[in-house]
Amino acid sequence: MNDIIKTARQIVGSPEDHLHDTSLFTAAWATMKAARGQGFDPQRLRPQHLIGHPAPDPEPLDQTLIRVGETVRCYAARQGYRIQRCHAA
């Protein structure tokens, strides 16, 4: 029984390692509550108790400017605008 509680503590202590299966976090939380003799209502375990997926790293500014410039030039070409490269975004 101690092994189950120990595993549950590890899961609850680092939920970001178990983002692929949030039901695992809920089960671990229920196990810990049961070990203390407390009741558990999964409806009360709201999303703020779970950690969302981390956001991707932002794109470097230089890459963003190059990508946006190319997009604007392609759009202008499709619209039939004649823009010199030195004046393009």
PDB file of N, CA and C in Angstrom:
ATOM      1  N   MET A   1       0.824  -1.194   0.000  1.00  0.00           N
ATOM      2  CA  MET A   1       0.000   0.000   0.000  1.00  0.00           C
ATOM      3  C   MET A   1       0.869   1.259   0.000  1.00  0.00           C
ATOM      4  N   ASN A   2       1.996   1.217   0.688  1.00  0.00           N
ATOM      5  CA  ASN A   2       2.876   2.384   0.727  1.00  0.00           C
ATOM      6  C   ASN A   2       3.431   2.730  -0.646  1.00  0.00           C
ATOM      7  N   ASP A   3       3.674   1.698  -1.466  1.00  0.00           N
ATOM      8  CA  ASP A   3       4.177   1.952  -2.816  1.00  0.00           C
ATOM      9  C   ASP A   3       3.159   2.712  -3.651  1.00  0.00           C
ATOM     10  N   ILE A   4       1.875   2.372  -3.488  1.00  0.00           N
ATOM     11  CA  ILE A   4       0.818   3.058  -4.233  1.00  0.00           C
ATOM     12  C   ILE A   4       0.738   4.523  -3.805  1.00  0.00           C
ATOM     13  N   ILE A   5       0.800   4.754  -2.524  1.00  0.00           N
ATOM     14  CA  ILE A   5       0.725   6.129  -2.013  1.00  0.00           C
ATOM     15  C   ILE A   5       1.965   6.918  -2.445  1.00  0.00           C
ATOM     16  N   LYS A   6       3.115   6.280  -2.414  1.00  0.00           N
ATOM     17  CA  LYS A   6       4.352   6.941  -2.840  1.00  0.00           C
ATOM     18  C   LYS A   6       4.260   7.341  -4.320  1.00  0.00           C
ATOM     19  N   THR A   7       3.755   6.430  -5.154  1.00  0.00           N
ATOM     20  CA  THR A   7       3.589   6.725  -6.574  1.00  0.00           C
ATOM     21  C   THR A   7       2.580   7.852  -6.772  1.00  0.00           C
ATOM     22  N   ALA A   8       1.484   7.816  -6.011  1.00  0.00           N
ATOM     23  CA  ALA A   8       0.469   8.871  -6.103  1.00  0.00           C
ATOM     24  C   ALA A   8       1.065  10.228  -5.729  1.00  0.00           C
ATOM     25  N   ARG A   9       1.893  10.267  -4.713  1.00  0.00           N
ATOM     26  CA  ARG A   9       2.540  11.530  -4.322  1.00  0.00           C
ATOM     27  C   ARG A   9       3.453  12.058  -5.421  1.00  0.00           C
ATOM     28  N   GLN A  10       4.164  11.154  -6.081  1.00  0.00           N
ATOM     29  CA  GLN A  10       5.040  11.584  -7.176  1.00  0.00           C
ATOM     30  C   GLN A  10       4.223  12.173  -8.325  1.00  0.00           C
ATOM     31  N   ILE A  11       3.097  11.562  -8.644  1.00  0.00           N
ATOM     32  CA  ILE A  11       2.245  12.048  -9.736  1.00  0.00           C
ATOM     33  C   ILE A  11       1.637  13.395  -9.378  1.00  0.00           C
ATOM     34  N   VAL A  12       1.095  13.510  -8.174  1.00  0.00           N
ATOM     35  CA  VAL A  12       0.470  14.769  -7.750  1.00  0.00           C
ATOM     36  C   VAL A  12       1.517  15.861  -7.581  1.00  0.00           C
ATOM     37  N   GLY A  13       2.713  15.495  -7.186  1.00  0.00           N
ATOM     38  CA  GLY A  13       3.771  16.474  -6.984  1.00  0.00           C
ATOM     39  C   GLY A  13       4.360  17.021  -8.274  1.00  0.00           C
ATOM     40  N   SER A  14       4.216  16.303  -9.369  1.00  0.00           N
ATOM     41  CA  SER A  14       4.726  16.790 -10.653  1.00  0.00           C
ATOM     42  C   SER A  14       3.749  16.420 -11.774  1.00  0.00           C
ATOM     43  N   PRO A  15       2.581  17.065 -11.809  1.00  0.00           N
ATOM     44  CA  PRO A  15       1.575  16.726 -12.817  1.00  0.00           C
ATOM     45  C   PRO A  15       2.022  17.034 -14.239  1.00  0.00           C
ATOM     46  N   GLU A  16       2.984  17.944 -14.401  1.00  0.00           N
ATOM     47  CA  GLU A  16       3.456  18.284 -15.753  1.00  0.00           C
ATOM     48  C   GLU A  16       4.114  17.093 -16.443  1.00  0.00           C
ATOM     49  N   ASP A  17       4.563  16.115 -15.663  1.00  0.00           N
ATOM     50  CA  ASP A  17       5.165  14.921 -16.253  1.00  0.00           C
ATOM     51  C   ASP A  17       4.106  13.940 -16.763  1.00  0.00           C
ATOM     52  N   HIS A  18       2.844  14.197 -16.416  1.00  0.00           N
ATOM     53  CA  HIS A  18       1.772  13.266 -16.763  1.00  0.00           C
ATOM     54  C   HIS A  18       0.657  13.991 -17.525  1.00  0.00           C
ATOM     55  N   LEU A  19       1.011  14.968 -18.344  1.00  0.00           N
ATOM     56  CA  LEU A  19       0.012  15.744 -19.080  1.00  0.00           C
ATOM     57  C   LEU A  19      -0.741  14.910 -20.111  1.00  0.00           C
ATOM     58  N   HIS A  20      -0.123  13.854 -20.586  1.00  0.00           N
ATOM     59  CA  HIS A  20      -0.752  13.025 -21.609  1.00  0.00           C
ATOM     60  C   HIS A  20      -1.986  12.291 -21.086  1.00  0.00           C
ATOM     61  N   ASP A  21      -2.087  12.113 -19.768  1.00  0.00           N
ATOM     62  CA  ASP A  21      -3.212  11.378 -19.190  1.00  0.00           C
ATOM     63  C   ASP A  21      -3.651  12.059 -17.892  1.00  0.00           C
ATOM     64  N   THR A  22      -4.599  12.993 -18.000  1.00  0.00           N
ATOM     65  CA  THR A  22      -5.036  13.729 -16.812  1.00  0.00           C
ATOM     66  C   THR A  22      -5.823  12.850 -15.853  1.00  0.00           C
ATOM     67  N   SER A  23      -6.389  11.739 -16.349  1.00  0.00           N
ATOM     68  CA  SER A  23      -7.110  10.836 -15.445  1.00  0.00           C
ATOM     69  C   SER A  23      -6.143  10.190 -14.447  1.00  0.00           C
ATOM     70  N   LEU A  24      -4.882  10.075 -14.824  1.00  0.00           N
ATOM     71  CA  LEU A  24      -3.874   9.538 -13.916  1.00  0.00           C
ATOM     72  C   LEU A  24      -3.700  10.470 -12.716  1.00  0.00           C
ATOM     73  N   PHE A  25      -3.703  11.788 -12.970  1.00  0.00           N
ATOM     74  CA  PHE A  25      -3.604  12.770 -11.885  1.00  0.00           C
ATOM     75  C   PHE A  25      -4.827  12.650 -10.973  1.00  0.00           C
ATOM     76  N   THR A  26      -6.015  12.528 -11.561  1.00  0.00           N
ATOM     77  CA  THR A  26      -7.244  12.405 -10.771  1.00  0.00           C
ATOM     78  C   THR A  26      -7.213  11.151  -9.912  1.00  0.00           C
ATOM     79  N   ALA A  27      -6.768  10.037 -10.477  1.00  0.00           N
ATOM     80  CA  ALA A  27      -6.690   8.791  -9.717  1.00  0.00           C
ATOM     81  C   ALA A  27      -5.672   8.896  -8.583  1.00  0.00           C
ATOM     82  N   ALA A  28      -4.560   9.548  -8.848  1.00  0.00           N
ATOM     83  CA  ALA A  28      -3.542   9.727  -7.805  1.00  0.00           C
ATOM     84  C   ALA A  28      -4.081  10.604  -6.674  1.00  0.00           C
ATOM     85  N   TRP A  29      -4.816  11.635  -7.039  1.00  0.00           N
ATOM     86  CA  TRP A  29      -5.400  12.524  -6.028  1.00  0.00           C
ATOM     87  C   TRP A  29      -6.406  11.737  -5.181  1.00  0.00           C
ATOM     88  N   ALA A  30      -7.238  10.924  -5.827  1.00  0.00           N
ATOM     89  CA  ALA A  30      -8.213  10.111  -5.103  1.00  0.00           C
ATOM     90  C   ALA A  30      -7.518   9.127  -4.168  1.00  0.00           C
ATOM     91  N   THR A  31      -6.412   8.547  -4.610  1.00  0.00           N
ATOM     92  CA  THR A  31      -5.644   7.612  -3.780  1.00  0.00           C
ATOM     93  C   THR A  31      -5.114   8.306  -2.537  1.00  0.00           C
ATOM     94  N   MET A  32      -4.589   9.506  -2.706  1.00  0.00           N
ATOM     95  CA  MET A  32      -4.053  10.238  -1.554  1.00  0.00           C
ATOM     96  C   MET A  32      -5.166  10.618  -0.574  1.00  0.00           C
ATOM     97  N   LYS A  33      -6.314  11.023  -1.102  1.00  0.00           N
ATOM     98  CA  LYS A  33      -7.440  11.370  -0.223  1.00  0.00           C
ATOM     99  C   LYS A  33      -7.929  10.130   0.539  1.00  0.00           C
ATOM    100  N   ALA A  34      -8.001   8.989  -0.156  1.00  0.00           N
ATOM    101  CA  ALA A  34      -8.447   7.748   0.490  1.00  0.00           C
ATOM    102  C   ALA A  34      -7.464   7.317   1.575  1.00  0.00           C
ATOM    103  N   ALA A  35      -6.182   7.518   1.343  1.00  0.00           N
ATOM    104  CA  ALA A  35      -5.177   7.153   2.345  1.00  0.00           C
ATOM    105  C   ALA A  35      -5.333   7.973   3.615  1.00  0.00           C
ATOM    106  N   ARG A  36      -5.862   9.180   3.479  1.00  0.00           N
ATOM    107  CA  ARG A  36      -6.103  10.023   4.656  1.00  0.00           C
ATOM    108  C   ARG A  36      -7.482   9.790   5.252  1.00  0.00           C
ATOM    109  N   GLY A  37      -8.293   8.920   4.621  1.00  0.00           N
ATOM    110  CA  GLY A  37      -9.632   8.654   5.120  1.00  0.00           C
ATOM    111  C   GLY A  37     -10.620   9.731   4.727  1.00  0.00           C
ATOM    112  N   GLN A  38     -10.308  10.500   3.708  1.00  0.00           N
ATOM    113  CA  GLN A  38     -11.183  11.585   3.259  1.00  0.00           C
ATOM    114  C   GLN A  38     -11.926  11.164   1.999  1.00  0.00           C
ATOM    115  N   GLY A  39     -13.088  11.751   1.830  1.00  0.00           N
ATOM    116  CA  GLY A  39     -13.869  11.491   0.628  1.00  0.00           C
ATOM    117  C   GLY A  39     -13.303  12.294  -0.541  1.00  0.00           C
ATOM    118  N   PHE A  40     -13.716  11.914  -1.746  1.00  0.00           N
ATOM    119  CA  PHE A  40     -13.212  12.593  -2.947  1.00  0.00           C
ATOM    120  C   PHE A  40     -14.333  12.688  -3.967  1.00  0.00           C
ATOM    121  N   ASP A  41     -14.612  13.890  -4.408  1.00  0.00           N
ATOM    122  CA  ASP A  41     -15.593  14.129  -5.457  1.00  0.00           C
ATOM    123  C   ASP A  41     -14.841  14.669  -6.668  1.00  0.00           C
ATOM    124  N   PRO A  42     -14.698  13.876  -7.737  1.00  0.00           N
ATOM    125  CA  PRO A  42     -13.909  14.327  -8.892  1.00  0.00           C
ATOM    126  C   PRO A  42     -14.483  15.569  -9.562  1.00  0.00           C
ATOM    127  N   GLN A  43     -15.769  15.853  -9.357  1.00  0.00           N
ATOM    128  CA  GLN A  43     -16.368  17.052  -9.948  1.00  0.00           C
ATOM    129  C   GLN A  43     -15.804  18.328  -9.323  1.00  0.00           C
ATOM    130  N   ARG A  44     -15.308  18.219  -8.105  1.00  0.00           N
ATOM    131  CA  ARG A  44     -14.739  19.396  -7.438  1.00  0.00           C
ATOM    132  C   ARG A  44     -13.291  19.661  -7.833  1.00  0.00           C
ATOM    133  N   LEU A  45     -12.668  18.710  -8.514  1.00  0.00           N
ATOM    134  CA  LEU A  45     -11.297  18.885  -8.983  1.00  0.00           C
ATOM    135  C   LEU A  45     -11.363  19.638 -10.310  1.00  0.00           C
ATOM    136  N   ARG A  46     -11.238  20.932 -10.217  1.00  0.00           N
ATOM    137  CA  ARG A  46     -11.423  21.787 -11.385  1.00  0.00           C
ATOM    138  C   ARG A  46     -10.129  21.914 -12.174  1.00  0.00           C
ATOM    139  N   PRO A  47     -10.208  22.422 -13.412  1.00  0.00           N
ATOM    140  CA  PRO A  47      -9.031  22.529 -14.271  1.00  0.00           C
ATOM    141  C   PRO A  47      -7.871  23.310 -13.674  1.00  0.00           C
ATOM    142  N   GLN A  48      -8.122  24.260 -12.783  1.00  0.00           N
ATOM    143  CA  GLN A  48      -6.995  25.014 -12.240  1.00  0.00           C
ATOM    144  C   GLN A  48      -6.071  24.134 -11.404  1.00  0.00           C
ATOM    145  N   HIS A  49      -6.531  22.939 -11.051  1.00  0.00           N
ATOM    146  CA  HIS A  49      -5.672  22.014 -10.328  1.00  0.00           C
ATOM    147  C   HIS A  49      -4.756  21.232 -11.268  1.00  0.00           C
ATOM    148  N   LEU A  50      -5.017  21.350 -12.555  1.00  0.00           N
ATOM    149  CA  LEU A  50      -4.220  20.647 -13.551  1.00  0.00           C
ATOM    150  C   LEU A  50      -3.375  21.654 -14.315  1.00  0.00           C
ATOM    151  N   ILE A  51      -2.219  21.264 -14.682  1.00  0.00           N
ATOM    152  CA  ILE A  51      -1.321  22.141 -15.424  1.00  0.00           C
ATOM    153  C   ILE A  51      -1.523  21.890 -16.905  1.00  0.00           C
ATOM    154  N   GLY A  52      -1.712  22.957 -17.666  1.00  0.00           N
ATOM    155  CA  GLY A  52      -1.903  22.823 -19.104  1.00  0.00           C
ATOM    156  C   GLY A  52      -0.597  22.526 -19.814  1.00  0.00           C
ATOM    157  N   HIS A  53      -0.710  22.210 -21.091  1.00  0.00           N
ATOM    158  CA  HIS A  53       0.483  21.941 -21.892  1.00  0.00           C
ATOM    159  C   HIS A  53       1.314  23.222 -22.006  1.00  0.00           C
ATOM    160  N   PRO A  54       2.609  23.121 -21.916  1.00  0.00           N
ATOM    161  CA  PRO A  54       3.440  24.321 -22.038  1.00  0.00           C
ATOM    162  C   PRO A  54       3.364  24.893 -23.443  1.00  0.00           C
ATOM    163  N   ALA A  55       3.421  26.223 -23.517  1.00  0.00           N
ATOM    164  CA  ALA A  55       3.376  26.903 -24.808  1.00  0.00           C
ATOM    165  C   ALA A  55       4.690  26.684 -25.554  1.00  0.00           C
ATOM    166  N   PRO A  56       4.629  26.677 -26.878  1.00  0.00           N
ATOM    167  CA  PRO A  56       5.881  26.517 -27.633  1.00  0.00           C
ATOM    168  C   PRO A  56       6.770  27.747 -27.462  1.00  0.00           C
ATOM    169  N   ASP A  57       8.051  27.561 -27.662  1.00  0.00           N
ATOM    170  CA  ASP A  57       8.982  28.678 -27.570  1.00  0.00           C
ATOM    171  C   ASP A  57       8.660  29.694 -28.659  1.00  0.00           C
ATOM    172  N   PRO A  58       8.752  30.980 -28.337  1.00  0.00           N
ATOM    173  CA  PRO A  58       8.457  31.990 -29.357  1.00  0.00           C
ATOM    174  C   PRO A  58       9.500  31.972 -30.472  1.00  0.00           C
ATOM    175  N   GLU A  59       9.054  32.344 -31.653  1.00  0.00           N
ATOM    176  CA  GLU A  59       9.939  32.393 -32.810  1.00  0.00           C
ATOM    177  C   GLU A  59      10.868  33.601 -32.653  1.00  0.00           C
ATOM    178  N   PRO A  60      12.148  33.483 -32.990  1.00  0.00           N
ATOM    179  CA  PRO A  60      13.051  34.627 -32.903  1.00  0.00           C
ATOM    180  C   PRO A  60      12.561  35.782 -33.782  1.00  0.00           C
ATOM    181  N   LEU A  61      12.809  37.009 -33.348  1.00  0.00           N
ATOM    182  CA  LEU A  61      12.307  38.200 -34.030  1.00  0.00           C
ATOM    183  C   LEU A  61      12.798  38.281 -35.474  1.00  0.00           C
ATOM    184  N   ASP A  62      14.050  37.949 -35.717  1.00  0.00           N
ATOM    185  CA  ASP A  62      14.575  38.009 -37.088  1.00  0.00           C
ATOM    186  C   ASP A  62      13.802  37.077 -38.014  1.00  0.00           C
ATOM    187  N   GLN A  63      13.530  35.874 -37.550  1.00  0.00           N
ATOM    188  CA  GLN A  63      12.767  34.923 -38.362  1.00  0.00           C
ATOM    189  C   GLN A  63      11.347  35.425 -38.605  1.00  0.00           C
ATOM    190  N   THR A  64      10.750  36.026 -37.583  1.00  0.00           N
ATOM    191  CA  THR A  64       9.396  36.554 -37.732  1.00  0.00           C
ATOM    192  C   THR A  64       9.353  37.645 -38.782  1.00  0.00           C
ATOM    193  N   LEU A  65      10.316  38.561 -38.737  1.00  0.00           N
ATOM    194  CA  LEU A  65      10.334  39.660 -39.707  1.00  0.00           C
ATOM    195  C   LEU A  65      10.542  39.146 -41.130  1.00  0.00           C
ATOM    196  N   ILE A  66      11.400  38.161 -41.306  1.00  0.00           N
ATOM    197  CA  ILE A  66      11.630  37.583 -42.635  1.00  0.00           C
ATOM    198  C   ILE A  66      10.354  36.906 -43.136  1.00  0.00           C
ATOM    199  N   ARG A  67       9.713  36.121 -42.259  1.00  0.00           N
ATOM    200  CA  ARG A  67       8.498  35.400 -42.640  1.00  0.00           C
ATOM    201  C   ARG A  67       7.369  36.370 -42.998  1.00  0.00           C
ATOM    202  N   VAL A  68       7.174  37.411 -42.205  1.00  0.00           N
ATOM    203  CA  VAL A  68       6.117  38.389 -42.469  1.00  0.00           C
ATOM    204  C   VAL A  68       6.410  39.155 -43.761  1.00  0.00           C
ATOM    205  N   GLY A  69       7.676  39.538 -43.965  1.00  0.00           N
ATOM    206  CA  GLY A  69       8.045  40.241 -45.194  1.00  0.00           C
ATOM    207  C   GLY A  69       7.744  39.412 -46.433  1.00  0.00           C
ATOM    208  N   GLU A  70       8.088  38.125 -46.387  1.00  0.00           N
ATOM    209  CA  GLU A  70       7.808  37.241 -47.524  1.00  0.00           C
ATOM    210  C   GLU A  70       6.310  37.103 -47.755  1.00  0.00           C
ATOM    211  N   THR A  71       5.547  36.991 -46.679  1.00  0.00           N
ATOM    212  CA  THR A  71       4.092  36.866 -46.805  1.00  0.00           C
ATOM    213  C   THR A  71       3.494  38.112 -47.440  1.00  0.00           C
ATOM    214  N   VAL A  72       3.939  39.292 -47.008  1.00  0.00           N
ATOM    215  CA  VAL A  72       3.421  40.549 -47.555  1.00  0.00           C
ATOM    216  C   VAL A  72       3.790  40.673 -49.028  1.00  0.00           C
ATOM    217  N   ARG A  73       5.026  40.342 -49.383  1.00  0.00           N
ATOM    218  CA  ARG A  73       5.441  40.421 -50.794  1.00  0.00           C
ATOM    219  C   ARG A  73       4.636  39.453 -51.664  1.00  0.00           C
ATOM    220  N   CYS A  74       4.395  38.247 -51.193  1.00  0.00           N
ATOM    221  CA  CYS A  74       3.595  37.278 -51.956  1.00  0.00           C
ATOM    222  C   CYS A  74       2.163  37.775 -52.129  1.00  0.00           C
ATOM    223  N   TYR A  75       1.593  38.335 -51.082  1.00  0.00           N
ATOM    224  CA  TYR A  75       0.228  38.863 -51.166  1.00  0.00           C
ATOM    225  C   TYR A  75       0.168  40.020 -52.163  1.00  0.00           C
ATOM    226  N   ALA A  76       1.144  40.922 -52.089  1.00  0.00           N
ATOM    227  CA  ALA A  76       1.171  42.073 -53.008  1.00  0.00           C
ATOM    228  C   ALA A  76       1.316  41.600 -54.452  1.00  0.00           C
ATOM    229  N   ALA A  77       2.116  40.578 -54.687  1.00  0.00           N
ATOM    230  CA  ALA A  77       2.300  40.056 -56.036  1.00  0.00           C
ATOM    231  C   ALA A  77       0.998  39.435 -56.554  1.00  0.00           C
ATOM    232  N   ARG A  78       0.272  38.719 -55.682  1.00  0.00           N
ATOM    233  CA  ARG A  78      -1.004  38.125 -56.099  1.00  0.00           C
ATOM    234  C   ARG A  78      -2.039  39.201 -56.426  1.00  0.00           C
ATOM    235  N   GLN A  79      -1.969  40.317 -55.721  1.00  0.00           N
ATOM    236  CA  GLN A  79      -2.921  41.409 -55.953  1.00  0.00           C
ATOM    237  C   GLN A  79      -2.541  42.254 -57.165  1.00  0.00           C
ATOM    238  N   GLY A  80      -1.353  42.029 -57.680  1.00  0.00           N
ATOM    239  CA  GLY A  80      -0.919  42.760 -58.866  1.00  0.00           C
ATOM    240  C   GLY A  80      -0.178  44.054 -58.564  1.00  0.00           C
ATOM    241  N   TYR A  81       0.194  44.271 -57.321  1.00  0.00           N
ATOM    242  CA  TYR A  81       0.960  45.476 -56.969  1.00  0.00           C
ATOM    243  C   TYR A  81       2.403  45.300 -57.422  1.00  0.00           C
ATOM    244  N   ARG A  82       2.976  46.365 -57.886  1.00  0.00           N
ATOM    245  CA  ARG A  82       4.398  46.321 -58.252  1.00  0.00           C
ATOM    246  C   ARG A  82       5.149  47.119 -57.199  1.00  0.00           C
ATOM    247  N   ILE A  83       5.806  46.409 -56.320  1.00  0.00           N
ATOM    248  CA  ILE A  83       6.523  47.034 -55.200  1.00  0.00           C
ATOM    249  C   ILE A  83       8.002  46.707 -55.355  1.00  0.00           C
ATOM    250  N   GLN A  84       8.805  47.753 -55.223  1.00  0.00           N
ATOM    251  CA  GLN A  84      10.259  47.510 -55.254  1.00  0.00           C
ATOM    252  C   GLN A  84      10.643  46.847 -53.942  1.00  0.00           C
ATOM    253  N   ARG A  85      11.638  45.974 -53.997  1.00  0.00           N
ATOM    254  CA  ARG A  85      12.047  45.223 -52.807  1.00  0.00           C
ATOM    255  C   ARG A  85      12.511  46.125 -51.672  1.00  0.00           C
ATOM    256  N   CYS A  86      13.108  47.262 -51.987  1.00  0.00           N
ATOM    257  CA  CYS A  86      13.614  48.124 -50.912  1.00  0.00           C
ATOM    258  C   CYS A  86      12.465  48.787 -50.153  1.00  0.00           C
ATOM    259  N   HIS A  87      11.257  48.837 -50.754  1.00  0.00           N
ATOM    260  CA  HIS A  87      10.113  49.448 -50.068  1.00  0.00           C
ATOM    261  C   HIS A  87       9.166  48.396 -49.493  1.00  0.00           C
ATOM    262  N   ALA A  88       9.419  47.149 -49.748  1.00  0.00           N
ATOM    263  CA  ALA A  88       8.536  46.097 -49.257  1.00  0.00           C
ATOM    264  C   ALA A  88       8.808  45.824 -47.777  1.00  0.00           C
ATOM    265  N   ALA A  89       7.843  45.238 -47.160  1.00  0.00           N
ATOM    266  CA  ALA A  89       7.969  44.928 -45.721  1.00  0.00           C
ATOM    267  C   ALA A  89       8.985  43.841 -45.497  1.00  0.00           C
TER     268      ALA A  89
END
